[in-house]
Each structure stands twice: as C-alpha cells, then as structure tokens.
Amino acid sequence: MKNMTDKLLLVDDEEGIRTVLDISLSEMGYEVYTAENADAAIRVFSEIQPPIVLTDIKMPGMDGIELLRHLKKENPDTEVILITGHGDMDLAIKSVKYEATDFITKPIDDSELENALQKAHERIRLRQQWRSYTERLENLVKQKSDQMAAGAHQMANEGQFQRFFDELPGYVTVLDKDFRIMAANRALKTDFEIEDPTDRHCYELLKSSDEPCLNCPVAKTFESGQSDQAELQLPASAGGEPRQMFAWTTPLFDAENETSRVMMMMTDISQVLDLKDHLASLGLMVGSVSHGIKGLLTGLDAGVYMLNTGYSQDDTEQVNEGLKTVKTMSERIKHMVLDILYYAREMKLNKQAVGIENFADEVIDVVFPRIEEAGIVLNREIDESLANDEFSVDADQLRAAMVNILENAVDACSEDTQKGSHQIDFRVYRQDDAVCFEIEDNGIGMDQETQNNIFNLFYSSKATSGTGIGLFITKKIIGQHDGTIDVRSKPGEGSRFFIRLPRS
C-alpha cells in the first residue's frame, strides 16, 4: 500500500504537462518533484532518491530510455514509468528490456496512471518483503552455523568430527589461513571425485587455479571474524556445464578466541539460476506481447472510429481507409497470436516428401495478396532442374517460416518512402545436395545491430506490429530441419535472406 508521503519525480519537457500531472499526483498524496529534462532529473534524483520516477520518453537531449538506464544503474530498485505517444510504441516496448515498470500513453488517462503507480508500489512491496525474508534466512543460517561450529569443536574433541561432516548436506570443508583443506565431507569427495583433499589448496583443487578467488568468502571471514557469503562458479566436469555455487562461511575459533579455521559450506544453485533466467524471459515476453497487443488494439480502435465517422458522413473514402486499417490490424493480431502459439508449444516435425516447386508456389500464394496490394513487383525464379524434385520437410512448419521471411520483406518495402518502386526476388535453386531459397527486397534495409539481433527472442524493429518472436521461431524451424539461415543487409538498400536446407 502507498505511503501518503511517498516521493515521486516527474520529468517532462512540457511545462503544461508537468503542471497538470503535479496537481493530479499531489491530490493522490505524493510529494512531487519536477524536472524539465533528463540532466535536471539526474540532479534531483541524486538528492532525494525517490522510489518512483514518471518520465516522458521523447525529450530534448537525453531521452527517457537513456534516463531509465542511468537511474537503474544508480539505484536498481527505482520504479520508472514512461510516458509515450502512439508513435513511440517501439521505444516503449524497448523500455521493458531495460526493466521499466510500465508505460502509459498520451493523452494520459487517470485510471491508467493509477494502475501504473499501483503496479510500482506492488513491486516495491514485494521487494521489501523478499528482503525481509532474505534477512531472516541469513540470520537463521548464521544461528545454525554458530551451532554447527560449536558442535564441531565438541565433536572434534570426541573424535567424531569426520562423521559429523559426512552427514552434512552440500559440500563442506574446513580451511586454514593458507586456504588448505583440513577436512571435507563425503559429498565433496564423491561428487568431485577426490579421494583425499586434505592439505591441498581449495582453489587449486576445485577451480584448477593458481590463486584464491577475487571475492573469496573464506578470506573475508579470516579478516573480519564474521560469517560471509558469495556466489562462486566452479569449472565444468568432463562433458558437463560449469556449476554455480552459493557458499557461506563461519569462523572456527581457537582457545585465544582467534579465527584459526573457517568452515565453508557450498550448495549447487545452477538449476535455480536457470529457472530465474527462464522466469525473466517469460516476464519479458509477457510485457513485450501485452504492450504489442495494446498498440494493435489502439490501431484497431482508430480504424473502427474512421469507419463509423465515414458511414455517418457518407464519406466513401474515409470508410475505405477505415476498413483498410481494421483489416491491417486484424491481420497483425492474427500473426501475433500464431507466433505466440508457435513459441509456446513443443514443435515436433512431421517430415514427408514434398515437391520443391509446389512448396515454393504455396509460400508465394499465401503472401501474394499483400504483395499485390502494396504494389510490389515479385520476381519468381525457380531452377528448372527442381521442377519434379522433392525434399523431406514438415511442409506446414517450414511454410510458416518462409512466409514469415517473405512478409518481413513486404513490410520492409512498404515502410520505405525513398524509392519510387519496390520489388522482391524469390529464388529457389540447387546447391550440391541442398535446396537453397533466397528472398531479397529493396526495402528499408537494416543496420548492423539489427542484423546481429534479428533472430534473438523478443527482438523486434517493427514497433507495435511485431513481438520479436517470429524470426526467432523461423530460425528454430529451419534449424530443426538441419538447415541454416543467413541475412545480409544495408540501410536504405534492402535485405537478402539465404536459407539452405538438405534435400533429405
């Protein structure tokens, strides 16, 4: 729940917007600070450290995205909400990747603003709750470690120290000030295949290194006499992956109450980190897709409005324009849903012998209405030697992949306003024992950064018309067919996609 004295920083280069929002936010109970640009915002932020920042995306000088990245670097816990116009939707979606809390569109609706602020407060509450749980867990670990240390001393005197070690979960060692292992439990010996680790340096034995780790918790415990913790990466075993370990230490005192030994306990958290990555990926997908759908629905609403206005005014031109907009947005929503379904399900191939020329014609037939409507010239070139030839593929999935590339070519031509005419070349030919497809356009082209990322999940250069899933799936389908895909492009000159597939 919001604290009525919460501080909020409002950043916008338009004085009128700052004034109106200042009044609204103050009525909601916020202590509002304002800044007219990103530089001023950084100065105010450094002084007051507000938990929430509300900023416009488009501003002179540093824009809202760069401000977001700067604030997150200074304080990762800051919740940043961005204000965007409909034309800035691509930047808004990009902001999700930099951990923006949410974004709201102009003109700002009070309920939408309140929802975004409520979301920010919920994230703050959950983070505080998580920290509380973590502190309680750390205290519990410390208590148990102290008990274990006391028990270890007693059992050492009774000759039961090793049996105690062997019963402990995880990997447990006792080390001296030179980082030599004085004792180790059974799990460490077994999993690391070490018969006798005694009197060997831990960094040499566990990490194959010549010196201790930079963030070694054992060294810190010897220095401070306090428990410490750290994440360590241990090298991969034969044929395996590197292991991520969470290590915590506790000091063992001698008769003079000096730290003479340190007990280090490690547990493998590799699977936890993998789960974290998957959850982060899922969260990014949900954010990207939800904002994408939001933009498409806004466009659909605009088309419906044009239709209604055109009918009421008997304006045939406006009716046709509205109908075209509705049709375009409906197609984009359909493709988005299909992309999501492809990504969500486990794709298993059902390969069958398929005629190469027939397959190529089917791909063209799916997209040709869009090509014709956009006034683009299509050049179809299929090697005559393939006329009666076949290859073994899952026709449905491979067709979807090819259609995706071809539709990207149509989009690239449609977005290019510099050339008088546009064309797409669709070529199919044989290369050794492979079938090659080339789809080349003379549209807007891509810069090097886009080419490097175009097949990455959630990367999209198409604003609200793309989720960044389509080409990721395309590459995955082609890869499942043991094929390869490559792209070459220059801004303003167009792009060429090259797909190579084995015939069997």
Protein backbone atom coordinates (compact mmCIF):
# COMPACT_ATOMS: atom_id res chain seq x y z
CA MET A 1 0.00 0.00 0.00
CA LYS A 2 1.20 3.53 -0.82
CA ASN A 3 2.65 5.73 1.88
CA MET A 4 0.89 9.10 1.69
CA THR A 5 4.26 10.90 1.91
CA ASP A 6 5.91 8.94 -0.92
CA LYS A 7 8.26 10.96 -3.07
CA LEU A 8 7.84 10.95 -6.85
CA LEU A 9 9.99 12.57 -9.52
CA LEU A 10 8.11 13.84 -12.61
CA VAL A 11 10.19 14.52 -15.74
CA ASP A 12 8.72 16.21 -18.84
CA ASP A 13 9.96 18.99 -21.11
CA GLU A 14 6.45 20.47 -21.47
CA GLU A 15 5.61 22.82 -18.60
CA GLY A 16 1.84 22.41 -19.10
CA ILE A 17 2.03 18.61 -18.69
CA ARG A 18 4.24 18.98 -15.60
CA THR A 19 1.74 21.38 -14.03
CA VAL A 20 -1.33 19.20 -14.69
CA LEU A 21 0.35 15.98 -13.54
CA ASP A 22 1.82 17.71 -10.48
CA ILE A 23 -1.70 18.64 -9.37
CA SER A 24 -3.09 15.14 -10.04
CA LEU A 25 -0.22 13.36 -8.28
CA SER A 26 -0.32 15.74 -5.30
CA GLU A 27 -4.03 15.01 -4.90
CA MET A 28 -3.13 11.30 -4.83
CA GLY A 29 -0.88 12.05 -1.84
CA TYR A 30 2.55 12.18 -3.47
CA GLU A 31 5.33 14.60 -2.64
CA VAL A 32 6.07 15.59 -6.23
CA TYR A 33 9.43 16.85 -7.51
CA THR A 34 9.67 18.01 -11.14
CA ALA A 35 12.41 18.31 -13.75
CA GLU A 36 12.23 19.73 -17.28
CA ASN A 37 14.85 17.40 -18.80
CA ALA A 38 16.97 14.34 -18.06
CA ASP A 39 20.01 16.29 -16.79
CA ALA A 40 17.90 18.12 -14.23
CA ALA A 41 16.20 14.85 -13.31
CA ILE A 42 19.55 13.18 -12.55
CA ARG A 43 20.50 16.04 -10.21
CA VAL A 44 17.16 15.90 -8.37
CA PHE A 45 17.27 12.10 -8.21
CA SER A 46 20.74 12.13 -6.61
CA GLU A 47 19.47 14.47 -3.89
CA ILE A 48 16.11 12.96 -2.93
CA GLN A 49 16.33 9.32 -4.15
CA PRO A 50 12.59 8.97 -4.97
CA PRO A 51 11.32 5.38 -5.18
CA ILE A 52 9.19 6.21 -8.27
CA VAL A 53 10.06 8.23 -11.39
CA LEU A 54 7.49 9.22 -14.04
CA THR A 55 9.20 10.41 -17.23
CA ASP A 56 8.40 11.26 -20.83
CA ILE A 57 10.23 9.22 -23.49
CA LYS A 58 10.77 11.95 -26.10
CA MET A 59 12.76 14.87 -24.64
CA PRO A 60 15.50 17.15 -25.98
CA GLY A 61 18.97 15.83 -25.21
CA MET A 62 18.92 12.58 -23.25
CA ASP A 63 15.64 10.74 -23.89
CA GLY A 64 13.55 8.76 -21.42
CA ILE A 65 15.16 5.42 -22.31
CA GLU A 66 18.67 6.70 -21.55
CA LEU A 67 17.39 8.31 -18.36
CA LEU A 68 15.82 4.96 -17.38
CA ARG A 69 19.13 3.16 -17.88
CA HIS A 70 21.02 5.82 -15.90
CA LEU A 71 18.59 5.68 -12.96
CA LYS A 72 18.59 1.88 -12.89
CA LYS A 73 22.39 1.92 -12.83
CA GLU A 74 22.42 4.36 -9.90
CA ASN A 75 19.63 2.55 -8.00
CA PRO A 76 18.27 -0.70 -9.50
CA ASP A 77 15.28 -0.60 -7.13
CA THR A 78 13.86 2.58 -8.68
CA GLU A 79 10.48 2.06 -10.33
CA VAL A 80 10.38 4.01 -13.61
CA ILE A 81 7.12 4.61 -15.51
CA LEU A 82 7.41 6.06 -19.03
CA ILE A 83 5.00 8.39 -20.82
CA THR A 84 4.77 7.75 -24.55
CA GLY A 85 2.94 8.93 -27.62
CA HIS A 86 1.41 6.41 -30.04
CA GLY A 87 4.32 6.94 -32.44
CA ASP A 88 6.84 6.00 -29.75
CA MET A 89 5.47 2.49 -29.11
CA ASP A 90 8.67 0.83 -30.33
CA LEU A 91 10.66 2.77 -27.74
CA ALA A 92 8.12 1.89 -25.06
CA ILE A 93 8.45 -1.82 -25.82
CA LYS A 94 12.24 -1.43 -25.79
CA SER A 95 11.95 0.09 -22.30
CA VAL A 96 10.61 -3.23 -20.97
CA LYS A 97 14.00 -4.79 -21.73
CA TYR A 98 15.62 -2.16 -19.50
CA GLU A 99 13.27 -3.06 -16.61
CA ALA A 100 10.79 -0.20 -16.87
CA THR A 101 7.86 -0.71 -14.51
CA ASP A 102 5.22 0.22 -17.09
CA PHE A 103 4.38 2.84 -19.68
CA ILE A 104 1.28 4.95 -20.27
CA THR A 105 0.20 6.65 -23.47
CA LYS A 106 -0.74 10.24 -24.16
CA PRO A 107 -3.28 11.70 -23.55
CA ILE A 108 -2.84 10.37 -20.01
CA ASP A 109 -5.87 8.69 -18.51
CA ASP A 110 -6.13 8.99 -14.70
CA SER A 111 -7.14 5.35 -14.23
CA GLU A 112 -4.24 4.17 -16.41
CA LEU A 113 -1.85 6.36 -14.38
CA GLU A 114 -3.21 4.99 -11.10
CA ASN A 115 -2.84 1.39 -12.35
CA ALA A 116 0.79 2.01 -13.31
CA LEU A 117 1.53 3.60 -9.92
CA GLN A 118 -0.22 0.74 -8.12
CA LYS A 119 1.95 -1.70 -10.06
CA ALA A 120 5.07 0.23 -8.98
CA HIS A 121 4.02 0.10 -5.32
CA GLU A 122 3.28 -3.61 -5.56
CA ARG A 123 6.79 -4.23 -6.92
CA ILE A 124 8.27 -2.14 -4.07
CA ARG A 125 6.22 -4.07 -1.51
CA LEU A 126 7.27 -7.45 -2.90
CA ARG A 127 10.92 -6.39 -2.99
CA GLN A 128 10.78 -5.25 0.65
CA GLN A 129 9.06 -8.49 1.61
CA TRP A 130 11.69 -10.51 -0.23
CA ARG A 131 14.48 -8.64 1.55
CA SER A 132 12.81 -9.26 4.88
CA TYR A 133 12.63 -12.98 4.11
CA THR A 134 16.26 -12.97 2.97
CA GLU A 135 17.45 -11.26 6.15
CA ARG A 136 15.52 -13.76 8.26
CA LEU A 137 17.06 -16.61 6.27
CA GLU A 138 20.56 -15.16 6.69
CA ASN A 139 20.04 -14.83 10.44
CA LEU A 140 18.79 -18.40 10.59
CA VAL A 141 21.82 -19.63 8.62
CA LYS A 142 24.12 -17.70 10.94
CA GLN A 143 22.47 -19.21 14.02
CA LYS A 144 22.73 -22.70 12.58
CA SER A 145 26.33 -22.07 11.51
CA ASP A 146 27.23 -20.93 15.01
CA GLN A 147 25.60 -24.04 16.44
CA MET A 148 27.42 -26.22 13.92
CA ALA A 149 30.73 -24.56 14.76
CA ALA A 150 30.21 -25.13 18.48
CA GLY A 151 29.16 -28.72 17.80
CA ALA A 152 32.20 -29.24 15.59
CA HIS A 153 34.57 -28.23 18.39
CA GLN A 154 32.91 -30.61 20.79
CA MET A 155 32.89 -33.50 18.37
CA ALA A 156 36.48 -32.86 17.39
CA ASN A 157 37.45 -33.40 20.99
CA GLU A 158 35.41 -36.59 20.96
CA GLY A 159 36.93 -37.85 17.69
CA GLN A 160 33.59 -37.59 15.87
CA PHE A 161 34.37 -34.61 13.63
CA GLN A 162 34.56 -36.54 10.32
CA ARG A 163 31.31 -38.40 10.92
CA PHE A 164 29.61 -35.07 11.57
CA PHE A 165 30.98 -33.73 8.28
CA ASP A 166 29.86 -36.71 6.27
CA GLU A 167 26.27 -36.28 7.42
CA LEU A 168 26.06 -32.63 6.37
CA PRO A 169 24.20 -31.79 3.11
CA GLY A 170 26.00 -29.95 0.32
CA TYR A 171 29.77 -29.59 0.15
CA VAL A 172 31.55 -28.78 3.43
CA THR A 173 35.23 -28.05 4.02
CA VAL A 174 37.36 -26.68 6.83
CA LEU A 175 40.26 -24.49 5.67
CA ASP A 176 43.27 -22.83 7.26
CA LYS A 177 44.63 -19.35 6.57
CA ASP A 178 46.59 -20.60 3.55
CA PHE A 179 43.36 -21.96 2.04
CA ARG A 180 44.47 -25.55 2.58
CA ILE A 181 41.70 -28.07 3.16
CA MET A 182 41.90 -29.58 6.64
CA ALA A 183 38.71 -31.66 6.39
CA ALA A 184 35.97 -32.33 3.84
CA ASN A 185 32.67 -34.19 3.85
CA ARG A 186 31.74 -37.27 1.85
CA ALA A 187 29.61 -35.39 -0.71
CA LEU A 188 32.54 -33.24 -1.84
CA LYS A 189 34.84 -36.24 -2.20
CA THR A 190 32.24 -38.22 -4.13
CA ASP A 191 30.86 -35.55 -6.49
CA PHE A 192 34.25 -34.04 -7.27
CA GLU A 193 35.89 -37.47 -7.47
CA ILE A 194 38.61 -36.54 -4.97
CA GLU A 195 39.89 -39.39 -2.84
CA ASP A 196 41.87 -37.32 -0.34
CA PRO A 197 41.63 -33.49 -0.50
CA THR A 198 43.48 -32.99 2.80
CA ASP A 199 46.29 -30.39 2.83
CA ARG A 200 45.57 -29.24 -0.73
CA HIS A 201 44.62 -25.67 -1.67
CA CYS A 202 40.88 -25.32 -2.30
CA TYR A 203 41.34 -23.01 -5.32
CA GLU A 204 43.76 -25.47 -6.89
CA LEU A 205 41.56 -28.48 -6.23
CA LEU A 206 38.10 -27.06 -7.01
CA LYS A 207 38.87 -24.39 -9.61
CA SER A 208 42.17 -25.52 -11.15
CA SER A 209 43.52 -22.06 -10.37
CA ASP A 210 46.89 -20.82 -9.09
CA GLU A 211 45.42 -18.26 -6.71
CA PRO A 212 42.35 -17.69 -4.49
CA CYS A 213 39.09 -16.27 -5.87
CA LEU A 214 38.77 -12.49 -6.01
CA ASN A 215 35.62 -12.49 -3.86
CA CYS A 216 36.70 -15.39 -1.65
CA PRO A 217 34.35 -15.57 1.37
CA VAL A 218 36.95 -17.61 3.31
CA ALA A 219 39.47 -14.76 3.08
CA LYS A 220 36.83 -12.26 4.22
CA THR A 221 35.91 -14.41 7.20
CA PHE A 222 39.53 -14.74 8.29
CA GLU A 223 39.86 -10.95 8.00
CA SER A 224 36.64 -9.97 9.80
CA GLY A 225 35.95 -12.93 12.05
CA GLN A 226 32.35 -12.85 10.73
CA SER A 227 30.34 -15.16 8.50
CA ASP A 228 30.30 -14.29 4.81
CA GLN A 229 28.66 -15.50 1.62
CA ALA A 230 29.30 -15.39 -2.14
CA GLU A 231 28.36 -16.95 -5.45
CA LEU A 232 31.19 -18.97 -6.99
CA GLN A 233 31.48 -20.59 -10.40
CA LEU A 234 33.29 -23.91 -10.49
CA PRO A 235 34.65 -25.32 -13.76
CA ALA A 236 32.66 -27.95 -15.64
CA SER A 237 33.37 -31.59 -15.10
CA ALA A 238 34.03 -33.75 -18.15
CA GLY A 239 31.13 -33.33 -20.57
CA GLY A 240 29.19 -31.11 -18.16
CA GLU A 241 28.33 -27.45 -17.63
CA PRO A 242 30.05 -25.05 -15.19
CA ARG A 243 28.46 -25.20 -11.75
CA GLN A 244 27.19 -22.15 -9.90
CA MET A 245 27.66 -22.46 -6.16
CA PHE A 246 26.31 -20.45 -3.29
CA ALA A 247 28.90 -20.51 -0.49
CA TRP A 248 28.68 -19.30 3.06
CA THR A 249 31.31 -19.42 5.77
CA THR A 250 31.56 -19.41 9.54
CA PRO A 251 34.68 -18.85 11.67
CA LEU A 252 36.03 -21.54 13.99
CA PHE A 253 37.83 -20.04 17.00
CA ASP A 254 40.80 -21.37 18.94
CA ALA A 255 41.40 -21.17 22.71
CA GLU A 256 42.50 -17.49 22.39
CA ASN A 257 39.23 -16.67 20.57
CA GLU A 258 41.11 -16.12 17.30
CA THR A 259 39.87 -17.39 13.94
CA SER A 260 42.14 -20.34 13.29
CA ARG A 261 39.93 -22.21 10.81
CA VAL A 262 36.97 -21.40 8.56
CA MET A 263 34.18 -23.78 7.71
CA MET A 264 32.82 -23.27 4.19
CA MET A 265 29.52 -24.79 3.07
CA MET A 266 28.53 -24.78 -0.61
CA THR A 267 25.33 -25.75 -2.40
CA ASP A 268 24.75 -26.04 -6.15
CA ILE A 269 22.32 -23.34 -7.35
CA SER A 270 22.75 -23.89 -11.10
CA GLN A 271 19.16 -25.08 -11.56
CA VAL A 272 17.83 -22.16 -9.53
CA LEU A 273 19.68 -19.68 -11.76
CA ASP A 274 18.42 -21.45 -14.89
CA LEU A 275 14.87 -21.14 -13.54
CA LYS A 276 15.50 -17.46 -12.80
CA ASP A 277 16.59 -16.90 -16.43
CA HIS A 278 13.51 -18.71 -17.74
CA LEU A 279 11.20 -16.69 -15.49
CA ALA A 280 12.90 -13.44 -16.53
CA SER A 281 12.50 -14.47 -20.18
CA LEU A 282 8.83 -15.29 -19.58
CA GLY A 283 8.27 -11.96 -17.82
CA LEU A 284 9.89 -10.10 -20.70
CA MET A 285 7.73 -11.98 -23.17
CA VAL A 286 4.54 -11.16 -21.26
CA GLY A 287 5.49 -7.50 -21.07
CA SER A 288 6.51 -7.27 -24.72
CA VAL A 289 3.44 -9.12 -26.00
CA SER A 290 0.98 -7.24 -23.78
CA HIS A 291 2.32 -3.87 -24.92
CA GLY A 292 2.33 -5.07 -28.53
CA ILE A 293 -1.31 -6.14 -28.32
CA LYS A 294 -2.16 -2.86 -26.59
CA GLY A 295 -0.73 -0.93 -29.54
CA LEU A 296 -2.52 -3.08 -32.11
CA LEU A 297 -5.84 -2.67 -30.33
CA THR A 298 -5.31 1.09 -30.31
CA GLY A 299 -4.82 0.96 -34.10
CA LEU A 300 -7.88 -1.25 -34.47
CA ASP A 301 -9.92 1.22 -32.43
CA ALA A 302 -8.76 4.04 -34.71
CA GLY A 303 -9.89 2.06 -37.76
CA VAL A 304 -13.34 1.42 -36.26
CA TYR A 305 -13.65 5.14 -35.45
CA MET A 306 -12.84 6.01 -39.07
CA LEU A 307 -15.46 3.52 -40.26
CA ASN A 308 -18.14 4.96 -38.00
CA THR A 309 -17.30 8.53 -38.98
CA GLY A 310 -17.24 7.64 -42.66
CA TYR A 311 -20.63 5.93 -42.52
CA SER A 312 -22.22 8.78 -40.56
CA GLN A 313 -20.91 11.37 -43.02
CA ASP A 314 -21.42 9.19 -46.10
CA ASP A 315 -17.70 9.59 -46.84
CA THR A 316 -16.73 6.60 -49.00
CA GLU A 317 -13.02 7.47 -48.98
CA GLN A 318 -12.90 7.51 -45.18
CA VAL A 319 -14.89 4.27 -44.98
CA ASN A 320 -12.36 2.57 -47.27
CA GLU A 321 -9.45 3.97 -45.26
CA GLY A 322 -11.00 2.76 -42.01
CA LEU A 323 -11.69 -0.65 -43.49
CA LYS A 324 -8.09 -0.90 -44.66
CA THR A 325 -6.84 -0.02 -41.16
CA VAL A 326 -9.13 -2.58 -39.49
CA LYS A 327 -8.02 -5.26 -41.96
CA THR A 328 -4.33 -4.46 -41.40
CA MET A 329 -4.60 -4.50 -37.61
CA SER A 330 -6.65 -7.71 -37.64
CA GLU A 331 -4.01 -9.44 -39.76
CA ARG A 332 -1.26 -8.28 -37.40
CA ILE A 333 -3.16 -9.50 -34.34
CA LYS A 334 -3.69 -12.87 -36.05
CA HIS A 335 0.02 -13.21 -36.85
CA MET A 336 0.96 -12.20 -33.31
CA VAL A 337 -1.30 -14.90 -31.84
CA LEU A 338 0.09 -17.51 -34.23
CA ASP A 339 3.66 -16.52 -33.29
CA ILE A 340 2.87 -16.89 -29.61
CA LEU A 341 1.28 -20.31 -30.17
CA TYR A 342 4.29 -21.47 -32.15
CA TYR A 343 6.61 -20.34 -29.37
CA ALA A 344 4.51 -21.85 -26.58
CA ARG A 345 4.10 -25.34 -27.97
CA GLU A 346 6.72 -28.02 -28.36
CA MET A 347 7.40 -28.22 -32.10
CA LYS A 348 7.80 -31.76 -33.38
CA LEU A 349 8.46 -32.27 -37.05
CA ASN A 350 6.32 -34.49 -39.26
CA LYS A 351 8.57 -34.82 -42.29
CA GLN A 352 7.24 -36.04 -45.62
CA ALA A 353 8.40 -35.94 -49.23
CA VAL A 354 7.21 -32.64 -50.73
CA GLY A 355 7.57 -31.28 -54.26
CA ILE A 356 10.01 -28.36 -54.12
CA GLU A 357 8.37 -26.26 -56.84
CA ASN A 358 4.86 -26.82 -55.45
CA PHE A 359 6.08 -25.88 -51.97
CA ALA A 360 7.64 -22.63 -53.26
CA ASP A 361 4.42 -21.71 -55.10
CA GLU A 362 2.36 -22.33 -51.94
CA VAL A 363 4.60 -19.96 -49.96
CA ILE A 364 4.17 -17.26 -52.61
CA ASP A 365 0.38 -17.80 -52.81
CA VAL A 366 -0.02 -17.09 -49.09
CA VAL A 367 1.68 -13.70 -49.26
CA PHE A 368 0.88 -12.64 -52.83
CA PRO A 369 -2.34 -10.71 -51.96
CA ARG A 370 -0.31 -8.45 -49.65
CA ILE A 371 2.44 -8.08 -52.26
CA GLU A 372 -0.09 -7.10 -54.93
CA GLU A 373 -1.98 -4.72 -52.64
CA ALA A 374 1.28 -2.93 -51.75
CA GLY A 375 2.16 -2.50 -55.44
CA ILE A 376 5.38 -4.52 -55.10
CA VAL A 377 6.82 -6.38 -58.10
CA LEU A 378 7.51 -10.07 -57.36
CA ASN A 379 10.19 -11.88 -59.36
CA ARG A 380 9.88 -15.67 -59.09
CA GLU A 381 12.93 -17.70 -60.14
CA ILE A 382 12.86 -21.48 -59.62
CA ASP A 383 15.61 -23.67 -61.07
CA GLU A 384 14.11 -25.83 -63.84
CA SER A 385 16.03 -28.86 -62.56
CA LEU A 386 13.84 -28.77 -59.41
CA ALA A 387 10.56 -28.97 -61.32
CA ASN A 388 9.95 -32.65 -60.46
CA ASP A 389 12.28 -32.87 -57.45
CA GLU A 390 11.32 -33.39 -53.81
CA PHE A 391 12.76 -32.80 -50.36
CA SER A 392 11.84 -34.20 -46.94
CA VAL A 393 10.30 -31.49 -44.72
CA ASP A 394 7.43 -30.66 -42.41
CA ALA A 395 5.61 -28.59 -45.02
CA ASP A 396 3.29 -26.74 -42.60
CA GLN A 397 6.02 -25.54 -40.26
CA LEU A 398 8.57 -24.77 -42.97
CA ARG A 399 5.91 -22.87 -44.96
CA ALA A 400 5.16 -20.76 -41.87
CA ALA A 401 8.88 -19.94 -41.54
CA MET A 402 9.20 -18.95 -45.22
CA VAL A 403 6.00 -16.89 -45.12
CA ASN A 404 7.35 -15.01 -42.12
CA ILE A 405 10.50 -14.02 -44.04
CA LEU A 406 8.50 -13.05 -47.12
CA GLU A 407 6.11 -10.91 -45.06
CA ASN A 408 9.09 -9.16 -43.48
CA ALA A 409 10.23 -8.32 -47.00
CA VAL A 410 6.79 -6.84 -47.76
CA ASP A 411 6.94 -4.76 -44.56
CA ALA A 412 10.45 -3.53 -45.43
CA CYS A 413 9.27 -2.36 -48.87
CA SER A 414 6.07 -0.80 -47.51
CA GLU A 415 8.00 1.22 -44.92
CA ASP A 416 10.45 2.58 -47.50
CA THR A 417 9.34 6.01 -48.77
CA GLN A 418 12.59 6.89 -50.55
CA LYS A 419 12.23 4.75 -53.68
CA GLY A 420 9.65 5.07 -56.44
CA SER A 421 9.16 1.33 -56.90
CA HIS A 422 9.88 -1.84 -54.94
CA GLN A 423 10.49 -5.45 -55.78
CA ILE A 424 11.01 -8.79 -54.08
CA ASP A 425 13.08 -11.56 -55.66
CA PHE A 426 12.14 -15.12 -54.65
CA ARG A 427 14.74 -17.63 -55.88
CA VAL A 428 14.99 -21.40 -55.43
CA TYR A 429 17.92 -23.43 -56.72
CA ARG A 430 20.09 -26.46 -56.05
CA GLN A 431 23.49 -26.25 -54.33
CA ASP A 432 25.34 -29.58 -54.02
CA ASP A 433 22.87 -31.83 -52.15
CA ALA A 434 20.89 -28.95 -50.70
CA VAL A 435 17.95 -26.76 -51.70
CA CYS A 436 18.53 -23.02 -51.37
CA PHE A 437 15.94 -20.27 -51.00
CA GLU A 438 16.77 -16.58 -51.44
CA ILE A 439 14.31 -13.83 -50.52
CA GLU A 440 15.67 -10.41 -51.45
CA ASP A 441 13.97 -7.00 -51.26
CA ASN A 442 14.96 -3.40 -51.96
CA GLY A 443 13.19 -2.00 -48.87
CA ILE A 444 14.49 -0.01 -45.93
CA GLY A 445 17.29 -2.44 -45.04
CA MET A 446 18.83 -2.98 -41.61
CA ASP A 447 21.79 -1.63 -39.68
CA GLN A 448 24.43 -3.97 -38.25
CA GLU A 449 22.92 -4.03 -34.75
CA THR A 450 19.57 -5.17 -36.13
CA GLN A 451 21.24 -7.86 -38.24
CA ASN A 452 23.09 -9.14 -35.18
CA ASN A 453 19.91 -9.41 -33.11
CA ILE A 454 17.15 -10.12 -35.61
CA PHE A 455 16.90 -13.85 -34.75
CA ASN A 456 17.02 -13.26 -30.98
CA LEU A 457 13.90 -13.89 -28.94
CA PHE A 458 11.80 -10.71 -28.30
CA TYR A 459 13.98 -8.53 -30.52
CA SER A 460 11.83 -6.53 -32.92
CA SER A 461 12.49 -3.49 -35.08
CA LYS A 462 8.84 -3.24 -36.18
CA ALA A 463 7.33 -1.20 -33.32
CA THR A 464 3.81 -2.36 -32.44
CA SER A 465 3.48 -4.71 -35.40
CA GLY A 466 5.94 -7.27 -34.04
CA THR A 467 6.66 -9.19 -30.87
CA GLY A 468 10.19 -10.30 -31.68
CA ILE A 469 9.03 -13.93 -31.76
CA GLY A 470 8.51 -14.55 -35.48
CA LEU A 471 12.08 -14.66 -36.79
CA PHE A 472 13.23 -16.48 -33.66
CA ILE A 473 10.72 -19.22 -34.50
CA THR A 474 11.71 -19.12 -38.17
CA LYS A 475 15.33 -19.83 -37.31
CA LYS A 476 14.27 -22.57 -34.88
CA ILE A 477 12.15 -24.32 -37.53
CA ILE A 478 14.92 -24.14 -40.12
CA GLY A 479 17.39 -25.43 -37.53
CA GLN A 480 15.10 -28.38 -36.78
CA HIS A 481 15.33 -29.21 -40.48
CA ASP A 482 19.16 -29.22 -40.16
CA GLY A 483 19.20 -26.08 -42.28
CA THR A 484 20.85 -22.67 -41.94
CA ILE A 485 19.62 -19.10 -42.38
CA ASP A 486 21.71 -16.01 -43.01
CA VAL A 487 20.89 -12.36 -43.67
CA ARG A 488 22.80 -9.59 -45.44
CA SER A 489 21.51 -6.04 -45.44
CA LYS A 490 22.40 -2.34 -45.70
CA PRO A 491 20.26 0.57 -44.53
CA GLY A 492 18.36 2.06 -47.45
CA GLU A 493 19.40 -0.70 -49.86
CA GLY A 494 17.32 -3.69 -48.79
CA SER A 495 17.92 -7.17 -47.35
CA ARG A 496 18.67 -10.68 -48.58
CA PHE A 497 17.75 -13.80 -46.60
CA PHE A 498 19.51 -17.02 -47.59
CA ILE A 499 18.12 -20.37 -46.43
CA ARG A 500 19.90 -23.66 -47.11
CA LEU A 501 18.08 -26.97 -46.46
CA PRO A 502 19.21 -30.55 -47.02
CA ARG A 503 17.10 -32.47 -49.53
CA SER A 504 16.72 -35.43 -47.14
